[in-house]
Protein backbone atom coordinates (compact mmCIF):
# COMPACT_ATOMS: atom_id res chain seq x y z
CA MET A 1 108.29 88.08 89.05
CA LYS A 2 109.72 92.31 87.97
CA ARG A 3 107.99 94.82 87.07
CA SER A 4 108.08 96.09 83.51
CA PRO A 5 109.55 99.00 83.10
CA ILE A 6 106.69 99.69 80.89
CA VAL A 7 102.85 98.77 81.38
CA PRO A 8 101.68 98.17 77.88
CA ASN A 9 98.49 98.41 76.45
CA SER A 10 97.07 94.96 76.07
CA ARG A 11 94.78 95.00 73.58
CA LEU A 12 96.56 92.75 70.88
CA SER A 13 98.01 89.95 73.78
CA PHE A 14 93.93 89.76 74.06
CA GLU A 15 93.38 89.38 70.56
CA ALA A 16 96.39 86.84 70.02
CA SER A 17 95.06 84.98 73.17
CA GLU A 18 91.88 84.33 70.86
CA PHE A 19 93.62 83.57 68.22
CA ALA A 20 96.06 80.74 70.80
CA LYS A 21 92.60 79.72 72.31
CA ASP A 22 90.39 78.74 68.58
CA LYS A 23 94.23 76.95 67.94
CA GLY A 24 94.24 74.48 70.97
CA LEU A 25 97.15 76.54 72.56
CA PHE A 26 95.33 79.08 74.94
CA PRO A 27 97.17 78.15 78.10
CA GLU A 28 100.41 77.71 76.34
CA PHE A 29 99.88 81.29 74.99
CA HIS A 30 99.09 82.62 78.00
CA THR A 31 101.87 81.18 80.06
CA ALA A 32 104.37 82.37 77.56
CA CYS A 33 103.11 86.26 77.65
CA TYR A 34 103.08 85.89 81.76
CA LYS A 35 106.53 85.15 81.88
CA ALA A 36 107.50 87.10 79.01
CA PHE A 37 106.35 89.93 80.96
CA TRP A 38 106.43 89.03 84.25
CA GLU A 39 109.88 88.01 84.06
CA ASN A 40 111.50 90.16 81.06
CA GLY A 41 109.38 93.13 80.99
CA VAL A 42 108.75 92.99 77.56
CA ASN A 43 106.03 95.41 75.54
CA LEU A 44 102.71 92.43 75.26
CA GLY A 45 101.65 95.46 73.00
CA ASP A 46 103.90 94.89 69.95
CA PRO A 47 102.82 92.60 67.53
CA GLU A 48 106.25 91.17 66.41
CA VAL A 49 106.81 90.60 70.48
CA LEU A 50 103.32 88.79 70.46
CA CYS A 51 103.87 86.90 66.84
CA ASP A 52 108.01 85.64 68.65
CA LEU A 53 105.83 84.25 71.69
CA ALA A 54 103.36 82.61 69.31
CA GLN A 55 105.92 80.83 67.79
CA GLY A 56 107.92 79.89 70.85
CA VAL A 57 104.28 77.86 71.40
CA GLY A 58 104.15 75.84 68.06
CA LEU A 59 101.39 78.92 66.40
CA ASN A 60 101.81 80.08 63.13
CA PRO A 61 103.25 83.35 63.52
CA GLU A 62 102.52 84.64 60.14
CA GLU A 63 98.32 83.76 60.74
CA LEU A 64 98.20 85.26 63.55
CA GLN A 65 100.14 88.62 62.07
CA THR A 66 97.11 88.19 59.28
CA HIS A 67 94.79 88.39 62.13
CA LEU A 68 96.25 90.98 64.33
CA GLN A 69 96.31 93.72 61.38
CA ALA A 70 92.61 92.60 59.94
CA GLY A 71 90.95 93.05 63.73
CA THR A 72 89.56 89.53 63.68
CA TYR A 73 89.27 89.28 67.19
CA THR A 74 88.61 93.04 68.06
CA GLN A 75 85.09 92.80 68.33
CA GLN A 76 84.83 89.47 70.34
CA THR A 77 87.66 91.25 72.80
CA ARG A 78 85.49 94.53 73.59
CA ASP A 79 82.40 92.52 73.78
CA GLN A 80 84.19 90.52 76.91
CA TYR A 81 85.83 94.14 78.32
CA ASP A 82 82.29 95.43 77.88
CA GLU A 83 80.85 92.29 80.03
CA ALA A 84 83.77 92.29 82.62
CA LEU A 85 83.16 95.87 83.65
CA LYS A 86 79.29 95.51 83.79
CA LEU A 87 80.30 92.34 86.42
CA GLY A 88 82.39 95.10 87.87
CA ILE A 89 85.91 93.82 87.01
CA ARG A 90 87.88 97.57 87.08
CA ALA A 91 91.51 95.52 87.84
CA ILE A 92 93.23 92.79 86.91
CA PRO A 93 93.58 90.09 88.84
CA SER A 94 90.27 89.48 88.89
CA PHE A 95 87.91 86.76 90.94
CA ILE A 96 84.63 85.59 90.92
CA ILE A 97 83.98 82.80 93.39
CA GLY A 98 80.24 81.97 93.56
CA PRO A 99 78.63 84.95 94.78
CA TYR A 100 82.15 86.75 95.32
CA LEU A 101 83.90 89.59 93.33
CA PHE A 102 87.16 90.37 94.33
CA SER A 103 90.32 91.60 93.10
CA GLY A 104 94.54 92.10 93.52
CA ALA A 105 96.72 89.62 94.55
CA GLN A 106 95.43 87.98 97.97
CA PRO A 107 96.95 85.49 100.20
CA TYR A 108 96.22 81.57 99.39
CA GLU A 109 94.15 81.68 102.80
CA PHE A 110 91.65 84.33 102.20
CA PHE A 111 90.88 81.78 98.70
CA GLN A 112 90.06 79.06 100.77
CA GLU A 113 87.67 81.50 102.90
CA VAL A 114 86.16 82.66 99.91
CA ALA A 115 85.79 79.07 98.21
CA LYS A 116 84.10 77.42 101.53
CA ARG A 117 81.84 80.32 102.17
CA ALA A 118 80.86 80.17 98.46
CA GLN A 119 79.95 76.36 98.76
CA ASP A 120 78.16 76.76 102.16
CA GLY A 121 76.03 79.03 100.38
CA ASN A 122 77.00 81.50 103.18
CA PRO A 123 77.20 85.45 101.64
CA GLN A 124 78.97 87.35 104.20
CA THR A 125 81.03 90.45 103.62
CA LEU A 126 85.21 89.60 103.38
CA HIS A 127 87.51 90.96 105.56
């Protein structure tokens, strides 16, 4: 992973991801965006970049562009954002496992402990 030289406004990438989900290619598109951002530092707020990534995973870039310009997925992604805020999510990445909400990169062992506590129904404070 390389730190990107920019911090893009990722709103359009969320909208493009919803388009990919509707077309059955969300995992592929998500992976392509992740790699493009973390390996090449691309601007995921740029519609041209998103259309290129979409084409690379078999999506129609012209159709995506039409949906981005029309705002087809804007309200849906705003609603998802509002729901995340209501749940207390304030950072990326964030995780919800059972009753636990936590953010940031964590060691594998931490995830194991959280999963075990959630499975056991042991609502202790995490450290």
